[in-house]
Amino acid sequence: MFRFEVLKKIKENRFLASAELIHWKQRMATFNNLLEQIKSPRCRAVVGVLQIVKSKSIIRWKDLVC
């Protein structure tokens, strides 16, 4: 009986480790997607317009990016 319980716990730990790995891979994919969008020409154009009109939002943007 004891051996069965140990094997069961090992299996559960492997499942949890696998689930955590999947979670962090998804988070990394989301983060990379956000970075791609920030670097896109469309986003750069919006930032350029905000700089030209001297928007208060651009100050916050620069604080976040830098």
N, C-alpha and C. Protein backbone atom coordinates (compact mmCIF):
# COMPACT_ATOMS: atom_id res chain seq x y z
N MET A 1 0.82 -1.19 0.00
CA MET A 1 0.00 0.00 0.00
C MET A 1 0.87 1.26 0.00
N PHE A 2 1.91 1.28 0.79
CA PHE A 2 2.78 2.45 0.88
C PHE A 2 3.41 2.76 -0.47
N ARG A 3 3.88 1.75 -1.15
CA ARG A 3 4.53 1.95 -2.45
C ARG A 3 3.55 2.56 -3.45
N PHE A 4 2.31 2.12 -3.42
CA PHE A 4 1.29 2.67 -4.31
C PHE A 4 1.10 4.16 -4.05
N GLU A 5 1.07 4.54 -2.78
CA GLU A 5 0.88 5.95 -2.42
C GLU A 5 2.06 6.80 -2.90
N VAL A 6 3.27 6.27 -2.77
CA VAL A 6 4.46 6.99 -3.22
C VAL A 6 4.41 7.18 -4.73
N LEU A 7 4.08 6.13 -5.45
CA LEU A 7 3.98 6.22 -6.90
C LEU A 7 2.89 7.21 -7.32
N LYS A 8 1.80 7.21 -6.59
CA LYS A 8 0.70 8.14 -6.88
C LYS A 8 1.17 9.58 -6.69
N LYS A 9 1.90 9.84 -5.60
CA LYS A 9 2.40 11.20 -5.35
C LYS A 9 3.41 11.63 -6.41
N ILE A 10 4.26 10.72 -6.84
CA ILE A 10 5.22 11.02 -7.90
C ILE A 10 4.48 11.40 -9.18
N LYS A 11 3.45 10.65 -9.50
CA LYS A 11 2.66 10.94 -10.69
C LYS A 11 1.99 12.30 -10.59
N GLU A 12 1.43 12.62 -9.41
CA GLU A 12 0.79 13.92 -9.19
C GLU A 12 1.80 15.05 -9.34
N ASN A 13 3.00 14.87 -8.79
CA ASN A 13 4.04 15.91 -8.87
C ASN A 13 4.46 16.14 -10.32
N ARG A 14 4.56 15.08 -11.08
CA ARG A 14 4.92 15.24 -12.49
C ARG A 14 3.83 16.01 -13.23
N PHE A 15 2.58 15.69 -12.92
CA PHE A 15 1.46 16.39 -13.55
C PHE A 15 1.49 17.87 -13.21
N LEU A 16 1.72 18.19 -11.93
CA LEU A 16 1.76 19.59 -11.50
C LEU A 16 2.92 20.33 -12.16
N ALA A 17 4.07 19.69 -12.24
CA ALA A 17 5.22 20.32 -12.88
C ALA A 17 4.93 20.58 -14.35
N SER A 18 4.28 19.63 -15.00
CA SER A 18 3.93 19.79 -16.40
C SER A 18 2.93 20.92 -16.58
N ALA A 19 1.94 20.99 -15.70
CA ALA A 19 0.94 22.06 -15.77
C ALA A 19 1.58 23.43 -15.58
N GLU A 20 2.52 23.52 -14.65
CA GLU A 20 3.20 24.80 -14.41
C GLU A 20 4.04 25.20 -15.62
N LEU A 21 4.71 24.25 -16.22
CA LEU A 21 5.50 24.53 -17.41
C LEU A 21 4.61 25.04 -18.54
N ILE A 22 3.47 24.41 -18.73
CA ILE A 22 2.52 24.86 -19.76
C ILE A 22 2.06 26.27 -19.46
N HIS A 23 1.76 26.55 -18.19
CA HIS A 23 1.32 27.89 -17.80
C HIS A 23 2.36 28.95 -18.17
N TRP A 24 3.63 28.70 -17.83
CA TRP A 24 4.67 29.69 -18.09
C TRP A 24 4.99 29.81 -19.58
N LYS A 25 4.83 28.75 -20.32
CA LYS A 25 5.01 28.84 -21.78
C LYS A 25 3.93 29.72 -22.38
N GLN A 26 2.71 29.60 -21.87
CA GLN A 26 1.62 30.44 -22.36
C GLN A 26 1.86 31.90 -21.99
N ARG A 27 2.34 32.13 -20.79
CA ARG A 27 2.64 33.52 -20.38
C ARG A 27 3.74 34.12 -21.25
N MET A 28 4.75 33.32 -21.56
CA MET A 28 5.84 33.80 -22.42
C MET A 28 5.32 34.12 -23.82
N ALA A 29 4.42 33.28 -24.34
CA ALA A 29 3.86 33.52 -25.66
C ALA A 29 3.04 34.82 -25.66
N THR A 30 2.29 35.06 -24.60
CA THR A 30 1.51 36.30 -24.49
C THR A 30 2.44 37.51 -24.44
N PHE A 31 3.48 37.42 -23.63
CA PHE A 31 4.44 38.51 -23.50
C PHE A 31 5.12 38.80 -24.84
N ASN A 32 5.54 37.75 -25.54
CA ASN A 32 6.18 37.93 -26.84
C ASN A 32 5.22 38.56 -27.85
N ASN A 33 3.96 38.18 -27.79
CA ASN A 33 2.97 38.78 -28.67
C ASN A 33 2.82 40.27 -28.40
N LEU A 34 2.79 40.64 -27.12
CA LEU A 34 2.71 42.06 -26.77
C LEU A 34 3.93 42.84 -27.28
N LEU A 35 5.10 42.25 -27.14
CA LEU A 35 6.31 42.91 -27.64
C LEU A 35 6.26 43.13 -29.15
N GLU A 36 5.78 42.12 -29.87
CA GLU A 36 5.65 42.25 -31.32
C GLU A 36 4.69 43.37 -31.68
N GLN A 37 3.59 43.47 -30.94
CA GLN A 37 2.63 44.53 -31.23
C GLN A 37 3.21 45.91 -30.93
N ILE A 38 3.96 46.03 -29.85
CA ILE A 38 4.56 47.31 -29.50
C ILE A 38 5.56 47.75 -30.57
N LYS A 39 6.27 46.79 -31.16
CA LYS A 39 7.27 47.10 -32.17
C LYS A 39 6.66 47.27 -33.57
N SER A 40 5.38 47.05 -33.70
CA SER A 40 4.75 47.11 -35.02
C SER A 40 4.73 48.54 -35.58
N PRO A 41 4.70 48.68 -36.90
CA PRO A 41 4.62 50.01 -37.51
C PRO A 41 3.39 50.80 -37.07
N ARG A 42 2.29 50.10 -36.87
CA ARG A 42 1.06 50.78 -36.47
C ARG A 42 1.22 51.42 -35.09
N CYS A 43 1.80 50.69 -34.17
CA CYS A 43 2.02 51.22 -32.82
C CYS A 43 3.02 52.37 -32.85
N ARG A 44 4.07 52.21 -33.63
CA ARG A 44 5.06 53.29 -33.75
C ARG A 44 4.45 54.55 -34.34
N ALA A 45 3.50 54.39 -35.26
CA ALA A 45 2.83 55.54 -35.86
C ALA A 45 1.99 56.26 -34.80
N VAL A 46 1.29 55.50 -33.99
CA VAL A 46 0.48 56.11 -32.93
C VAL A 46 1.36 56.86 -31.95
N VAL A 47 2.47 56.26 -31.57
CA VAL A 47 3.40 56.92 -30.65
C VAL A 47 3.95 58.20 -31.30
N GLY A 48 4.25 58.15 -32.59
CA GLY A 48 4.73 59.33 -33.29
C GLY A 48 3.72 60.46 -33.28
N VAL A 49 2.46 60.13 -33.53
CA VAL A 49 1.40 61.15 -33.51
C VAL A 49 1.27 61.73 -32.11
N LEU A 50 1.31 60.89 -31.10
CA LEU A 50 1.22 61.38 -29.73
C LEU A 50 2.38 62.31 -29.38
N GLN A 51 3.56 62.01 -29.91
CA GLN A 51 4.70 62.90 -29.67
C GLN A 51 4.52 64.24 -30.37
N ILE A 52 3.99 64.20 -31.59
CA ILE A 52 3.79 65.44 -32.35
C ILE A 52 2.80 66.36 -31.66
N VAL A 53 1.71 65.78 -31.14
CA VAL A 53 0.70 66.61 -30.48
C VAL A 53 1.03 66.85 -29.01
N LYS A 54 2.18 66.34 -28.57
CA LYS A 54 2.65 66.51 -27.20
C LYS A 54 1.60 66.07 -26.17
N SER A 55 1.12 64.86 -26.39
CA SER A 55 0.11 64.28 -25.51
C SER A 55 0.69 63.93 -24.15
N LYS A 56 -0.14 64.07 -23.12
CA LYS A 56 0.29 63.69 -21.78
C LYS A 56 0.45 62.17 -21.68
N SER A 57 -0.25 61.45 -22.51
CA SER A 57 -0.16 59.98 -22.50
C SER A 57 1.22 59.50 -22.91
N ILE A 58 1.89 60.26 -23.76
CA ILE A 58 3.20 59.83 -24.25
C ILE A 58 4.23 59.87 -23.12
N ILE A 59 4.05 60.75 -22.16
CA ILE A 59 4.95 60.81 -21.01
C ILE A 59 4.86 59.49 -20.23
N ARG A 60 3.64 59.04 -20.00
CA ARG A 60 3.45 57.77 -19.30
C ARG A 60 4.02 56.62 -20.13
N TRP A 61 3.82 56.68 -21.44
CA TRP A 61 4.33 55.63 -22.32
C TRP A 61 5.85 55.53 -22.23
N LYS A 62 6.51 56.68 -22.28
CA LYS A 62 7.97 56.70 -22.20
C LYS A 62 8.45 56.15 -20.85
N ASP A 63 7.72 56.46 -19.78
CA ASP A 63 8.09 55.92 -18.46
C ASP A 63 7.97 54.41 -18.43
N LEU A 64 6.96 53.86 -19.10
CA LEU A 64 6.76 52.42 -19.13
C LEU A 64 7.81 51.72 -20.01
N VAL A 65 8.14 52.32 -21.14
CA VAL A 65 9.06 51.70 -22.08
C VAL A 65 10.50 51.79 -21.58
N CYS A 66 10.86 52.89 -21.00
CA CYS A 66 12.25 53.07 -20.56
C CYS A 66 12.43 52.56 -19.19
